[in-house]
Protein backbone atom coordinates (compact mmCIF):
# COMPACT_ATOMS: atom_id res chain seq x y z
CA MET A 1 0.09 -0.24 0.15
CA ASN A 2 3.08 2.62 0.62
CA SER A 3 4.57 1.95 -2.61
CA ARG A 4 1.02 2.41 -4.16
CA ARG A 5 0.51 5.91 -2.62
CA ALA A 6 3.89 6.41 -3.52
CA TYR A 7 3.05 6.13 -6.89
CA GLN A 8 -0.13 7.82 -6.97
CA ILE A 9 1.59 10.74 -5.75
CA LEU A 10 4.68 11.08 -7.90
CA SER A 11 2.41 10.05 -11.00
CA GLY A 12 -0.36 12.50 -10.03
CA ASP A 13 -3.22 9.58 -10.60
CA ASP A 14 -4.83 8.80 -7.47
CA ASP A 15 -6.49 5.71 -9.51
CA VAL A 16 -4.34 3.07 -10.70
CA GLU A 17 -6.88 0.89 -12.01
CA ARG A 18 -8.03 3.86 -14.34
CA ALA A 19 -4.37 4.38 -15.47
CA CYS A 20 -3.99 0.83 -16.23
CA ALA A 21 -6.77 1.07 -18.78
CA PRO A 22 -4.28 1.74 -21.89
CA ILE A 23 -1.43 -1.14 -20.78
CA PRO A 24 -1.70 -4.88 -20.59
CA GLU A 25 -3.84 -5.99 -18.10
CA SER A 26 -1.35 -8.66 -16.78
CA VAL A 27 1.16 -5.89 -15.35
CA CYS A 28 -1.85 -4.14 -13.99
CA THR A 29 -0.42 -4.82 -10.38
CA ALA A 30 3.08 -4.68 -10.88
CA LEU A 31 2.25 -0.69 -12.09
CA PRO A 32 3.94 1.01 -8.83
CA ARG A 33 6.61 -1.64 -8.54
CA ASN A 34 7.43 -1.12 -12.35
CA TYR A 35 7.26 2.74 -11.48
CA PHE A 36 10.13 2.74 -9.38
CA LEU A 37 12.36 0.37 -10.77
CA ASN A 38 12.36 2.51 -13.60
CA LEU A 39 12.96 5.33 -11.36
CA LEU A 40 16.18 3.67 -10.08
CA ASN A 41 17.30 2.67 -13.56
CA GLY A 42 17.12 6.26 -14.47
CA ALA A 43 18.83 7.59 -11.62
CA CYS A 44 21.62 5.51 -12.37
CA GLY A 45 21.65 6.02 -15.83
CA LYS A 46 21.11 9.54 -15.86
CA LEU A 47 24.02 9.91 -13.11
CA ALA A 48 26.29 7.56 -15.45
CA GLN A 49 25.36 9.41 -18.49
CA HIS A 50 26.60 13.10 -16.97
CA ILE A 51 29.85 11.80 -15.05
CA ALA A 52 31.11 10.15 -18.30
CA SER A 53 29.28 12.75 -21.06
CA PRO A 54 30.11 11.97 -24.83
CA GLY A 55 29.59 15.59 -24.78
CA LEU A 56 31.55 16.73 -22.30
CA VAL A 57 33.86 14.55 -20.34
CA ILE A 58 35.08 12.52 -23.17
CA PRO A 59 36.50 15.24 -25.09
CA TRP A 60 37.85 17.10 -21.75
CA LEU A 61 39.43 13.13 -21.52
CA LEU A 62 40.94 13.40 -25.38
CA ALA A 63 42.18 16.75 -24.40
CA ALA A 64 44.06 15.69 -21.37
CA LEU A 65 45.48 13.04 -22.97
CA GLY A 66 46.99 15.48 -25.19
CA ALA A 67 45.24 13.74 -28.41
CA SER A 68 44.39 15.31 -31.82
CA PRO A 69 42.27 17.73 -31.05
CA VAL A 70 40.78 16.61 -34.54
CA LEU A 71 39.38 13.52 -32.92
CA VAL A 72 37.17 15.86 -30.66
CA GLY A 73 35.12 16.61 -33.63
CA PHE A 74 33.99 12.80 -34.19
CA VAL A 75 33.35 12.25 -30.73
CA VAL A 76 29.33 13.28 -31.03
CA PRO A 77 29.21 11.95 -34.64
CA VAL A 78 30.48 8.49 -33.82
CA ARG A 79 28.27 8.03 -30.90
CA GLN A 80 25.39 9.12 -33.00
CA ALA A 81 26.21 7.05 -35.93
CA ALA A 82 26.98 3.92 -33.96
CA GLY A 83 23.97 4.44 -31.84
CA LEU A 84 21.11 5.25 -34.48
CA ILE A 85 21.85 3.71 -38.02
CA PRO A 86 21.93 -0.12 -36.75
CA GLN A 87 18.68 0.26 -34.83
CA MET A 88 16.90 -0.60 -38.39
CA ALA A 89 18.31 -4.11 -38.11
CA ALA A 90 17.90 -4.09 -34.09
CA ALA A 91 14.18 -3.02 -34.77
CA ALA A 92 13.72 -6.19 -36.99
CA ARG A 93 15.34 -8.42 -34.55
CA ILE A 94 14.10 -7.24 -31.47
CA ARG A 95 10.32 -7.55 -32.86
CA HIS A 96 10.79 -11.13 -32.78
CA TYR A 97 11.03 -11.53 -28.93
CA PRO A 98 7.79 -10.87 -26.71
CA VAL A 99 9.95 -9.89 -23.96
CA ARG A 100 12.30 -6.94 -24.67
CA LYS A 101 13.77 -5.50 -21.53
CA TRP A 102 16.66 -7.96 -22.14
CA PHE A 103 18.27 -5.83 -25.13
CA TRP A 104 18.70 -3.02 -22.14
CA VAL A 105 20.08 -5.39 -19.56
CA GLY A 106 22.83 -6.38 -22.43
CA ALA A 107 23.31 -2.91 -23.36
CA GLY A 108 23.96 -1.67 -19.77
CA THR A 109 26.55 -4.24 -19.31
CA VAL A 110 28.78 -3.26 -22.65
CA LYS A 111 28.55 -0.19 -21.97
CA ALA A 112 29.99 -0.64 -18.62
CA ALA A 113 32.71 -2.95 -20.14
CA CYS A 114 33.43 -0.13 -22.71
CA LEU A 115 34.17 2.63 -20.08
CA GLY A 116 36.16 0.14 -18.29
CA LEU A 117 38.51 -0.86 -21.53
CA MET A 118 38.52 3.46 -22.06
CA ILE A 119 40.20 3.28 -18.84
CA VAL A 120 42.84 0.85 -19.88
CA ALA A 121 43.66 2.49 -22.97
CA ALA A 122 44.00 5.91 -21.52
CA LEU A 123 46.85 4.84 -19.20
CA MET A 124 48.63 1.91 -21.43
CA LEU A 125 48.27 3.49 -24.93
CA PRO A 126 50.37 6.68 -26.44
CA ALA A 127 47.92 9.61 -26.71
CA ASN A 128 46.48 9.70 -30.29
CA ALA A 129 46.52 6.00 -30.18
CA ALA A 130 44.35 5.77 -27.31
CA GLY A 131 42.17 8.22 -28.75
CA ILE A 132 41.48 6.62 -31.52
CA LEU A 133 40.56 3.33 -29.45
CA ILE A 134 38.66 5.80 -27.24
CA LEU A 135 36.65 6.34 -30.13
CA ALA A 136 36.57 2.94 -31.48
CA LEU A 137 35.00 2.06 -27.84
CA LEU A 138 32.72 5.01 -27.95
CA ALA A 139 31.10 3.52 -30.98
CA ALA A 140 30.53 0.10 -29.49
CA PHE A 141 29.15 2.06 -26.30
CA ALA A 142 26.72 3.89 -28.47
CA THR A 143 25.64 0.95 -30.91
CA ALA A 144 24.47 -1.05 -27.46
CA GLY A 145 23.10 2.29 -26.20
CA GLY A 146 20.79 2.54 -29.29
CA ILE A 147 19.69 -0.75 -29.18
CA GLY A 148 18.88 -0.83 -25.62
CA SER A 149 16.44 2.65 -26.16
CA LEU A 150 14.80 0.67 -28.64
CA ALA A 151 13.84 -1.81 -26.03
CA PHE A 152 13.61 0.90 -23.47
CA GLN A 153 10.98 2.93 -25.32
CA ASP A 154 8.75 -0.55 -26.01
CA VAL A 155 8.97 -1.50 -22.31
CA VAL A 156 7.86 1.96 -21.74
CA GLY A 157 5.00 2.01 -23.68
CA LYS A 158 3.67 -1.61 -22.48
CA THR A 159 4.30 -0.87 -18.39
CA ILE A 160 3.65 2.79 -18.19
CA PRO A 161 0.44 4.46 -18.69
CA LYS A 162 -0.08 7.20 -21.61
CA GLY A 163 -0.02 10.55 -19.48
CA ARG A 164 2.39 9.81 -17.00
CA ARG A 165 5.60 8.86 -19.34
CA GLY A 166 6.66 12.35 -19.60
CA ARG A 167 6.43 12.79 -15.52
CA LEU A 168 8.25 9.41 -15.57
CA LEU A 169 11.17 10.75 -17.47
CA ALA A 170 11.37 13.45 -15.84
CA TYR A 171 12.09 12.41 -12.19
CA ARG A 172 14.34 10.16 -13.91
CA GLY A 173 16.03 12.90 -15.28
CA THR A 174 15.75 14.71 -11.70
CA LEU A 175 17.04 12.26 -9.43
CA GLY A 176 20.42 11.87 -11.71
CA GLY A 177 20.68 15.72 -11.75
CA ALA A 178 20.70 15.57 -8.22
CA LEU A 179 22.98 12.94 -7.74
CA THR A 180 25.22 14.65 -10.77
CA LEU A 181 25.17 17.58 -8.60
CA ALA A 182 27.29 15.93 -5.70
CA ALA A 183 29.22 13.65 -8.10
CA GLY A 184 30.66 17.34 -9.47
CA ALA A 185 31.32 18.70 -5.93
CA VAL A 186 33.10 15.63 -5.07
CA VAL A 187 35.48 15.97 -8.23
CA GLN A 188 35.88 19.67 -7.85
CA LEU A 189 36.73 19.45 -4.02
CA SER A 190 39.17 16.51 -4.55
CA PHE A 191 40.81 17.45 -7.22
CA GLY A 192 40.54 21.13 -7.38
CA ASP A 193 43.13 22.66 -10.03
CA GLY A 194 45.19 19.30 -10.38
CA GLN A 195 45.54 16.80 -13.13
CA SER A 196 42.32 16.43 -15.46
CA LEU A 197 42.96 13.12 -16.41
CA ALA A 198 42.92 11.80 -12.78
CA ALA A 199 39.59 13.14 -12.20
CA VAL A 200 38.66 11.90 -15.72
CA LEU A 201 38.84 8.14 -15.41
CA TRP A 202 37.68 8.17 -11.97
CA MET A 203 34.51 9.08 -13.35
CA LEU A 204 34.63 6.44 -15.97
CA ALA A 205 34.91 4.12 -13.61
CA GLY A 206 32.18 5.44 -11.31
CA SER A 207 29.92 5.73 -14.51
CA ALA A 208 30.75 2.30 -15.39
CA ALA A 209 29.58 1.07 -11.94
CA LEU A 210 26.23 2.65 -12.28
CA TRP A 211 25.73 1.26 -15.73
CA LEU A 212 25.48 -2.34 -14.11
CA LEU A 213 23.57 -1.53 -11.11
CA ALA A 214 20.65 0.23 -13.83
CA ALA A 215 21.15 -3.02 -15.56
CA LEU A 216 19.97 -4.96 -12.55
CA ALA A 217 16.98 -2.47 -11.70
CA PHE A 218 15.87 -2.84 -15.35
CA ALA A 219 16.27 -6.65 -15.16
CA ALA A 220 13.81 -6.59 -12.22
CA ILE A 221 10.97 -4.89 -14.27
CA ASP A 222 7.99 -7.27 -14.84
CA GLU A 223 7.50 -6.87 -18.62
CA ALA A 224 4.13 -8.66 -20.07
CA PRO A 225 5.27 -10.43 -23.54
CA GLY A 226 4.34 -8.14 -26.28
CA ALA A 227 3.24 -8.85 -29.99
CA THR A 228 5.51 -10.90 -32.18
CA GLU A 229 4.01 -10.95 -35.64
CA GLY A 230 4.32 -8.89 -38.48
CA GLY A 231 7.98 -9.22 -38.22
CA ARG A 232 10.01 -8.04 -41.27
CA SER A 233 13.66 -7.95 -42.45
CA MET A 234 15.73 -5.00 -42.02
CA ILE A 235 15.30 -4.24 -45.58
CA GLY A 236 11.51 -4.42 -44.86
CA GLU A 237 11.81 -2.18 -42.48
CA VAL A 238 13.34 0.52 -44.14
CA ALA A 239 10.97 0.17 -46.86
CA GLU A 240 8.15 0.16 -44.22
CA GLY A 241 9.46 3.58 -42.83
CA PHE A 242 9.79 4.99 -46.05
CA ARG A 243 5.99 4.14 -46.70
CA LEU A 244 5.18 5.90 -42.98
CA LEU A 245 7.43 8.80 -44.43
CA ARG A 246 5.07 9.12 -47.98
CA ALA A 247 1.91 8.47 -45.97
CA GLU A 248 2.19 10.24 -42.78
CA PRO A 249 2.75 14.38 -43.25
CA GLY A 250 2.71 14.73 -39.34
CA TYR A 251 5.44 12.30 -39.23
CA ARG A 252 7.30 14.08 -42.19
CA ARG A 253 7.33 17.39 -39.89
CA PHE A 254 8.16 16.02 -36.94
CA LEU A 255 11.33 13.85 -38.77
CA ALA A 256 12.16 17.20 -40.15
CA ALA A 257 12.02 18.77 -36.65
CA ARG A 258 14.30 15.89 -35.09
CA LEU A 259 16.55 16.56 -37.79
CA LEU A 260 17.24 20.15 -37.31
CA LEU A 261 17.53 19.36 -33.46
CA ILE A 262 20.86 17.54 -34.03
CA SER A 263 22.29 20.92 -33.85
CA VAL A 264 21.71 21.31 -30.51
CA GLU A 265 22.56 17.62 -29.34
CA VAL A 266 25.97 17.79 -31.14
CA ALA A 267 26.61 21.18 -29.87
CA MET A 268 27.89 20.13 -26.04
CA PRO A 269 31.90 19.38 -27.13
CA PHE A 270 32.20 22.46 -28.69
CA TYR A 271 31.02 24.54 -25.79
CA ALA A 272 33.47 22.09 -23.90
CA LEU A 273 36.19 23.03 -26.74
CA HIS A 274 35.46 26.94 -26.28
CA ALA A 275 35.27 26.85 -22.69
CA SER A 276 38.96 25.13 -22.84
CA GLU A 277 40.20 27.54 -24.78
CA LEU A 278 39.33 30.29 -22.74
CA LEU A 279 39.57 28.68 -19.29
CA GLY A 280 42.25 26.01 -19.40
CA GLY A 281 41.70 22.30 -18.47
CA ALA A 282 41.95 21.73 -14.90
CA ALA A 283 40.21 19.26 -12.86
CA GLY A 284 38.02 21.93 -11.33
CA ALA A 285 36.72 23.18 -14.16
CA ILE A 286 35.09 19.84 -15.47
CA GLY A 287 33.70 19.46 -12.18
CA THR A 288 32.25 22.77 -12.18
CA TYR A 289 30.50 22.10 -15.48
CA VAL A 290 29.50 18.72 -14.70
CA PHE A 291 27.95 20.39 -11.41
CA ALA A 292 26.36 22.72 -13.77
CA VAL A 293 24.86 20.44 -16.13
CA GLY A 294 23.39 18.21 -13.37
CA LEU A 295 21.71 21.51 -11.82
CA ALA A 296 20.36 22.18 -15.25
CA ASN A 297 18.53 19.14 -14.80
CA LEU A 298 17.85 18.90 -11.44
CA VAL A 299 15.88 22.23 -12.00
CA ALA A 300 14.34 21.43 -15.34
CA ASN A 301 12.82 18.17 -15.68
CA PRO A 302 10.16 18.57 -13.35
CA PHE A 303 8.86 21.56 -15.27
CA TRP A 304 9.80 19.58 -18.65
CA GLY A 305 8.22 16.39 -17.27
CA ARG A 306 4.33 18.17 -16.66
CA PHE A 307 4.46 20.45 -19.70
CA ALA A 308 5.50 17.34 -22.11
CA ASP A 309 2.74 15.47 -21.17
CA ALA A 310 0.43 18.26 -21.96
CA SER A 311 2.64 19.28 -25.21
CA SER A 312 5.65 17.16 -26.44
CA ARG A 313 6.26 19.44 -29.33
CA THR A 314 6.65 22.79 -27.40
CA VAL A 315 8.51 20.90 -24.81
CA MET A 316 11.17 20.83 -28.08
CA ALA A 317 10.58 24.27 -29.53
CA ILE A 318 11.54 25.86 -26.15
CA GLY A 319 14.45 23.76 -25.60
CA ALA A 320 15.91 24.56 -28.94
CA GLY A 321 15.23 28.06 -27.88
CA ILE A 322 17.13 28.00 -25.08
CA ALA A 323 20.08 26.40 -26.77
CA ALA A 324 20.30 29.50 -29.32
CA ALA A 325 20.20 31.92 -25.71
CA ALA A 326 23.02 29.57 -24.26
CA GLY A 327 25.53 30.05 -27.84
CA ILE A 328 24.68 33.82 -27.52
CA ALA A 329 25.52 33.77 -24.00
CA ALA A 330 28.87 32.12 -24.98
CA LEU A 331 29.71 34.31 -27.73
CA ALA A 332 29.23 37.15 -25.57
CA LEU A 333 31.47 35.61 -23.10
CA THR A 334 34.55 35.34 -25.76
CA GLY A 335 34.84 39.32 -24.91
CA LEU A 336 35.93 38.26 -21.07
CA ALA A 337 39.15 35.87 -21.70
CA GLY A 338 40.96 36.67 -18.84
CA SER A 339 38.38 37.74 -16.11
CA PRO A 340 39.04 35.82 -13.11
CA HIS A 341 35.42 35.33 -13.00
CA LEU A 342 35.06 34.05 -16.74
CA ALA A 343 34.86 29.94 -15.26
CA THR A 344 31.92 30.94 -12.82
CA ALA A 345 30.22 32.94 -15.75
CA TYR A 346 30.63 30.14 -18.35
CA GLY A 347 29.28 27.56 -16.13
CA ALA A 348 25.75 29.31 -16.61
CA VAL A 349 26.39 28.61 -20.09
CA PHE A 350 26.44 25.08 -19.21
CA VAL A 351 23.22 25.42 -17.14
CA LEU A 352 21.41 26.62 -19.96
CA LEU A 353 22.70 24.18 -22.66
CA GLY A 354 21.41 21.29 -20.03
CA ILE A 355 18.29 22.70 -19.40
CA ALA A 356 18.00 23.00 -23.26
CA ASP A 357 19.29 19.27 -23.72
CA ALA A 358 17.10 17.94 -21.20
CA GLY A 359 14.01 19.50 -22.76
CA VAL A 360 14.68 18.74 -26.07
CA GLN A 361 15.38 14.81 -24.90
CA LEU A 362 12.58 14.23 -22.85
CA GLY A 363 10.35 16.19 -25.84
CA ARG A 364 10.97 14.08 -28.65
CA LYS A 365 10.94 10.64 -26.56
CA THR A 366 7.62 11.47 -25.03
CA TYR A 367 6.55 12.49 -28.44
CA LEU A 368 7.30 9.17 -30.11
CA VAL A 369 6.07 6.87 -27.75
CA ASP A 370 2.84 9.11 -27.14
CA ALA A 371 2.10 9.27 -31.34
CA ALA A 372 3.17 6.17 -32.59
CA PRO A 373 0.45 3.16 -32.76
CA PRO A 374 1.90 0.46 -30.32
CA ALA A 375 2.15 -2.21 -33.05
CA GLU A 376 4.69 -0.22 -35.03
CA ARG A 377 6.21 1.91 -32.05
CA PRO A 378 9.79 0.35 -32.80
CA LEU A 379 9.44 1.02 -36.55
CA TYR A 380 8.91 4.27 -35.80
CA VAL A 381 11.63 4.74 -33.41
CA ALA A 382 14.13 3.04 -35.32
CA PHE A 383 13.32 4.48 -38.30
CA THR A 384 13.76 8.18 -36.85
CA ASN A 385 16.69 7.30 -34.93
CA THR A 386 18.35 5.75 -37.95
CA ALA A 387 17.38 8.86 -40.45
CA VAL A 388 19.26 10.88 -37.55
CA GLY A 389 22.11 8.98 -37.39
CA VAL A 390 22.88 9.12 -41.15
CA VAL A 391 22.66 12.96 -40.81
CA THR A 392 24.78 13.51 -37.97
CA VAL A 393 27.71 11.75 -39.72
CA ALA A 394 27.65 14.95 -41.69
CA THR A 395 28.44 16.93 -38.51
CA GLY A 396 31.52 15.38 -38.08
CA GLY A 397 32.83 18.31 -40.61
CA LEU A 398 31.96 20.41 -37.95
CA GLY A 399 35.74 20.00 -36.05
CA LEU A 400 37.00 21.32 -39.53
CA VAL A 401 34.67 24.19 -39.62
CA ALA A 402 35.83 24.84 -36.04
CA GLN A 403 39.50 24.61 -37.07
CA TRP A 404 39.42 26.79 -40.22
CA LEU A 405 36.89 29.22 -39.07
CA GLY A 406 37.15 29.25 -35.48
CA VAL A 407 35.15 28.17 -32.67
CA ASP A 408 32.87 31.31 -32.20
CA MET A 409 32.12 31.06 -36.20
CA LEU A 410 31.00 27.21 -35.29
CA LEU A 411 28.49 28.51 -32.40
CA ALA A 412 27.07 30.83 -34.47
CA LEU A 413 26.01 28.35 -37.16
CA LEU A 414 24.72 26.02 -34.33
CA VAL A 415 22.47 29.38 -33.19
CA ALA A 416 21.05 29.59 -36.28
CA ALA A 417 20.13 26.09 -36.84
CA ALA A 418 19.01 25.70 -33.07
CA LEU A 419 16.12 28.58 -34.21
CA LEU A 420 15.23 27.07 -37.31
CA ALA A 421 14.70 23.88 -35.17
CA ALA A 422 12.31 25.77 -32.63
CA LEU A 423 10.16 26.80 -35.65
CA ALA A 424 10.17 23.45 -37.40
CA CYS A 425 9.05 21.98 -33.81
CA LEU A 426 6.04 24.26 -33.87
CA ARG A 427 5.09 23.32 -37.10
CA THR A 428 4.65 19.57 -35.94
CA PRO A 429 1.60 18.55 -35.46
CA GLU A 430 0.48 17.30 -31.70
CA ALA A 431 1.45 13.64 -30.49
CA HIS A 432 -2.32 12.60 -30.44
CA ARG A 433 -2.56 14.03 -34.16
CA MET A 434 0.54 12.67 -35.54
CA VAL A 435 -0.93 9.57 -36.82
CA GLU A 436 -4.52 8.68 -36.92
CA GLY A 437 -5.21 5.98 -34.61
CA ALA A 438 -2.26 6.75 -32.17
CA ALA A 439 -4.12 8.43 -29.41
CA GLY A 440 -4.63 5.22 -27.56
CA ALA A 441 -0.98 4.39 -27.39
């Protein structure tokens, strides 16, 4: 009864039986338990994601190793392409399994192993060799994460009622953000202005342990078997995805907005590079910025979650607008190079970036889970993510833009792209109107 009451408070639903209507009856009695296991999984996963962030911590690791700056430009494209492009093949396989949580469990375990091997590479290999191997391990890490995300969205759709998913995702982010504040403070206090490499390696080790704990929590979720009929080969999945693209104008608008939102998701490493140029690479700085991103998640996610349950497309639009504001603020701070207060001021930029990224990610995840018909949810997620992965490969050239034209010019381009993304999101239909018949998803 205590867990049931706690679920009612957190989810905002005072009638579990009524909430169970959109999900399989067989998991209705496990709803509060599944909700809290999902929260634990999210808290561990979000903390792990922040303290070994591919957008912030991995570029800092490459800089601390002395690896070529060209490698930094490939961090996000490698992560995105490896995580998203294989999803069409994975979606075709996942459909054959009635219980899909084990794909996420396997993904979390692989992520932990990849982070452990990154530590070994950093300690044992020359700088550029270590950097190349770290990028290869990041690709394996991202591929596992992409497969896990397919399973995650499907499991959430099967175990959590519509209208409660945005809040659940928000609580996951909030808990992870609160824990990230503590982790950032520990790094800052423990390492101060000392060696950046040691701080980052400890962060990788902690992240690996957290991914294992997140996998254990997800394994304990009670998931009812789902449909396995209608399976298609990878080629069939691709063909069906293009059919959806032609037949569903609402989905086309969402996909266009999602592709423009890439400008928000690939931005963080370049802000880290910009900050590094202005401030240097002391360990205390990375602790400050991890703290800033955690603070952003703690502040923003409760708001984004409730807002996403009402209008996830508006959440995406506002998130993109805040990302543009962060870029404008970073460019304004360029003129303050050498100021003793610049490190603290730049922390505010990372707070804005964290708020924006949280809104974009939570909004797009909630949108697609709510909009897609349940039987075709893996297809919609996989086709969208694969398209995003293909386009993201091209963003590897942003590192060359930064090298030839300067980081300031690159940030200006990212600001313009974020503003276009905000406009595209506003032109996207509300989730319940994207596909006819998806309202009951």
